[in-house]
Amino acid sequence: MLTTAKAGLIAALTMLLGGCASNGLDRLALQGPELHPALSTHLLDKDTTRHIPHDVLQHNPQYSTDPEFVNAVVRSGSQGNLTASGIRSALYALYDAQNNLGLYGLEAESAADADRIEQALRSIWADNVSLERARVYREDRLLVVVWTDGVATEVWDAVNTTVAERLLAAASTGLYH
């Protein structure tokens, strides 16, 4: 009986700790077909990593708390206007369709950091947003930029719907409360 109780306690702690490890950005580390059947996951090489130094990329998509990776994603996702200050983790993903589609994801350390980062990202990406080549999302402390070189409208809409739903799901699970 004691063994069963210990096993139950261990299982409960594992589930609890596993839930704490997830922040929501990792839910967006998807292979291309998981976002839309027309997308494939981009192969990484030095010429196609889109402004991220190739030496910090381990795989695609990549979610990490590694400071060098976080700084590279922040710098690229903000077009060089932000540093990694106040950012805990980052996500980078690059996909192929008839053109590229990518994600930059950032997890802020606090609500105040998220406010500051959101304001900067919305300003930086405003022109691309107006051209329907980018969207900026925020859910609690998670910020995501979805961008494209011009994928089909169906693909663009489906990817943005998935990103919005997954971010909302992350917030509704109480990850930050």
Protein backbone atom coordinates (compact mmCIF):
# COMPACT_ATOMS: atom_id res chain seq x y z
CA MET A 1 0.00 0.00 0.00
CA LEU A 2 2.79 2.42 0.84
CA THR A 3 4.44 1.62 -2.50
CA THR A 4 1.24 2.56 -4.36
CA ALA A 5 0.99 5.83 -2.45
CA LYS A 6 4.63 6.65 -3.23
CA ALA A 7 4.10 5.84 -6.89
CA GLY A 8 1.03 8.10 -6.97
CA LEU A 9 2.92 10.93 -5.30
CA ILE A 10 5.83 10.57 -7.71
CA ALA A 11 3.45 10.58 -10.69
CA ALA A 12 1.66 13.68 -9.39
CA LEU A 13 4.94 15.53 -8.80
CA THR A 14 6.18 14.55 -12.24
CA MET A 15 3.02 15.91 -13.85
CA LEU A 16 3.23 19.10 -11.79
CA LEU A 17 6.89 19.69 -12.56
CA GLY A 18 6.37 18.83 -16.21
CA GLY A 19 3.61 21.42 -16.39
CA CYS A 20 5.84 24.05 -14.83
CA ALA A 21 8.57 23.37 -17.37
CA SER A 22 6.21 24.25 -20.19
CA ASN A 23 5.80 27.94 -20.86
CA GLY A 24 3.73 27.90 -24.01
CA LEU A 25 6.45 28.77 -26.51
CA ASP A 26 7.47 25.13 -26.55
CA ARG A 27 3.92 24.38 -27.77
CA LEU A 28 4.81 26.28 -30.93
CA ALA A 29 7.97 24.30 -31.66
CA LEU A 30 6.13 22.43 -34.40
CA GLN A 31 7.20 20.76 -37.61
CA GLY A 32 5.85 22.41 -40.76
CA PRO A 33 3.01 19.94 -41.49
CA GLU A 34 1.79 20.32 -37.89
CA LEU A 35 1.07 23.98 -38.68
CA HIS A 36 -0.25 23.38 -42.20
CA PRO A 37 0.13 20.53 -44.71
CA ALA A 38 1.68 22.91 -47.28
CA LEU A 39 4.60 23.74 -44.96
CA SER A 40 7.81 21.80 -44.62
CA THR A 41 10.41 22.40 -41.95
CA HIS A 42 13.26 24.40 -43.41
CA LEU A 43 16.63 22.69 -43.56
CA LEU A 44 19.27 24.63 -41.69
CA ASP A 45 22.36 25.84 -43.45
CA LYS A 46 24.47 28.98 -43.19
CA ASP A 47 22.74 30.71 -46.10
CA THR A 48 19.11 30.18 -45.08
CA THR A 49 18.81 30.78 -41.33
CA ARG A 50 17.37 34.28 -41.74
CA HIS A 51 19.60 36.54 -39.67
CA ILE A 52 20.21 34.04 -36.86
CA PRO A 53 23.87 33.04 -36.52
CA HIS A 54 24.08 29.46 -37.72
CA ASP A 55 26.29 28.40 -34.81
CA VAL A 56 23.52 28.98 -32.20
CA LEU A 57 20.96 26.88 -34.06
CA GLN A 58 20.84 23.25 -32.96
CA HIS A 59 17.66 22.33 -34.84
CA ASN A 60 14.59 23.81 -36.47
CA PRO A 61 12.28 24.64 -34.83
CA GLN A 62 14.24 25.43 -31.68
CA TYR A 63 13.05 26.51 -28.24
CA SER A 64 15.72 27.31 -25.66
CA THR A 65 16.72 29.26 -22.58
CA ASP A 66 20.37 29.35 -23.68
CA PRO A 67 21.46 33.02 -23.36
CA GLU A 68 23.35 33.06 -26.68
CA PHE A 69 20.35 31.62 -28.54
CA VAL A 70 17.88 33.94 -26.76
CA ASN A 71 20.01 36.98 -27.62
CA ALA A 72 20.28 35.91 -31.28
CA VAL A 73 16.51 35.44 -31.62
CA VAL A 74 15.75 38.71 -29.82
CA ARG A 75 18.18 40.65 -32.02
CA SER A 76 16.81 39.10 -35.20
CA GLY A 77 13.14 39.25 -34.22
CA SER A 78 13.47 42.91 -33.27
CA GLN A 79 15.58 43.77 -36.33
CA GLY A 80 18.45 44.68 -33.99
CA ASN A 81 16.42 47.02 -31.78
CA LEU A 82 16.18 44.93 -28.58
CA THR A 83 18.57 43.03 -26.34
CA ALA A 84 17.83 39.92 -24.31
CA SER A 85 17.30 41.98 -21.16
CA GLY A 86 14.08 40.82 -19.49
CA ILE A 87 13.68 37.79 -21.76
CA ARG A 88 13.81 34.29 -20.31
CA SER A 89 13.51 32.04 -23.37
CA ALA A 90 13.06 32.14 -27.12
CA LEU A 91 11.68 30.17 -30.05
CA TYR A 92 12.85 30.21 -33.63
CA ALA A 93 11.17 28.34 -36.47
CA LEU A 94 11.56 28.61 -40.23
CA TYR A 95 9.29 26.85 -42.72
CA ASP A 96 9.06 26.46 -46.50
CA ALA A 97 6.00 26.69 -48.70
CA GLN A 98 6.17 28.55 -52.01
CA ASN A 99 7.97 31.16 -49.86
CA ASN A 100 9.28 31.20 -46.30
CA LEU A 101 7.24 31.56 -43.13
CA GLY A 102 8.84 31.97 -39.72
CA LEU A 103 8.22 32.44 -36.02
CA TYR A 104 10.13 34.44 -33.45
CA GLY A 105 8.87 33.71 -29.93
CA LEU A 106 9.94 35.42 -26.71
CA GLU A 107 9.05 34.74 -23.08
CA ALA A 108 9.40 37.87 -20.97
CA GLU A 109 10.55 37.63 -17.35
CA SER A 110 7.75 39.88 -16.08
CA ALA A 111 4.57 41.60 -17.19
CA ALA A 112 6.43 44.92 -17.30
CA ASP A 113 9.09 43.39 -19.56
CA ALA A 114 6.34 41.94 -21.77
CA ASP A 115 4.73 45.39 -22.04
CA ARG A 116 8.03 46.95 -23.10
CA ILE A 117 8.86 44.19 -25.58
CA GLU A 118 5.36 44.17 -27.07
CA GLN A 119 5.45 47.91 -27.66
CA ALA A 120 8.81 47.61 -29.41
CA LEU A 121 7.79 44.61 -31.55
CA ARG A 122 4.53 46.21 -32.65
CA SER A 123 6.42 49.34 -33.70
CA ILE A 124 9.19 47.42 -35.47
CA TRP A 125 6.81 45.14 -37.39
CA ALA A 126 4.05 47.71 -38.09
CA ASP A 127 4.82 48.11 -41.80
CA ASN A 128 4.91 44.35 -42.38
CA VAL A 129 1.71 43.92 -40.37
CA SER A 130 -0.03 46.51 -42.57
CA LEU A 131 1.10 44.52 -45.64
CA GLU A 132 -0.16 41.20 -44.10
CA ARG A 133 3.39 39.89 -44.04
CA ALA A 134 3.62 39.73 -40.25
CA ARG A 135 1.50 39.51 -37.13
CA VAL A 136 2.52 40.15 -33.55
CA TYR A 137 0.83 38.17 -30.77
CA ARG A 138 0.92 38.52 -27.03
CA GLU A 139 -0.57 36.27 -24.41
CA ASP A 140 0.50 37.15 -20.87
CA ARG A 141 4.33 37.09 -20.99
CA LEU A 142 4.58 35.29 -24.33
CA LEU A 143 5.19 37.27 -27.51
CA VAL A 144 5.30 35.80 -30.99
CA VAL A 145 6.01 37.34 -34.36
CA VAL A 146 4.76 35.35 -37.34
CA TRP A 147 6.21 36.57 -40.63
CA THR A 148 6.22 35.51 -44.25
CA ASP A 149 7.75 36.31 -47.62
CA GLY A 150 4.33 35.69 -49.13
CA VAL A 151 2.74 32.29 -48.54
CA ALA A 152 -0.78 31.54 -49.79
CA THR A 153 -3.58 33.24 -47.86
CA GLU A 154 -4.99 29.86 -46.77
CA VAL A 155 -1.64 28.86 -45.25
CA TRP A 156 -1.12 32.29 -43.65
CA ASP A 157 -4.57 32.28 -42.04
CA ALA A 158 -4.27 28.68 -40.80
CA VAL A 159 -0.84 29.26 -39.23
CA ASN A 160 -2.00 32.44 -37.50
CA THR A 161 -5.09 30.68 -36.16
CA THR A 162 -2.94 27.87 -34.75
CA VAL A 163 -0.49 30.31 -33.14
CA ALA A 164 -3.32 32.31 -31.54
CA GLU A 165 -5.06 29.16 -30.26
CA ARG A 166 -1.88 27.68 -28.78
CA LEU A 167 -0.95 30.92 -27.04
CA LEU A 168 -4.45 31.23 -25.61
CA ALA A 169 -4.32 27.61 -24.44
CA ALA A 170 -1.00 28.28 -22.70
CA ALA A 171 -2.51 31.25 -20.86
CA SER A 172 -5.68 29.36 -19.91
CA THR A 173 -3.66 26.61 -18.24
CA GLY A 174 -2.48 29.14 -15.66
CA LEU A 175 1.21 28.85 -16.50
CA TYR A 176 1.90 32.27 -14.96
CA HIS A 177 -0.41 32.29 -12.00
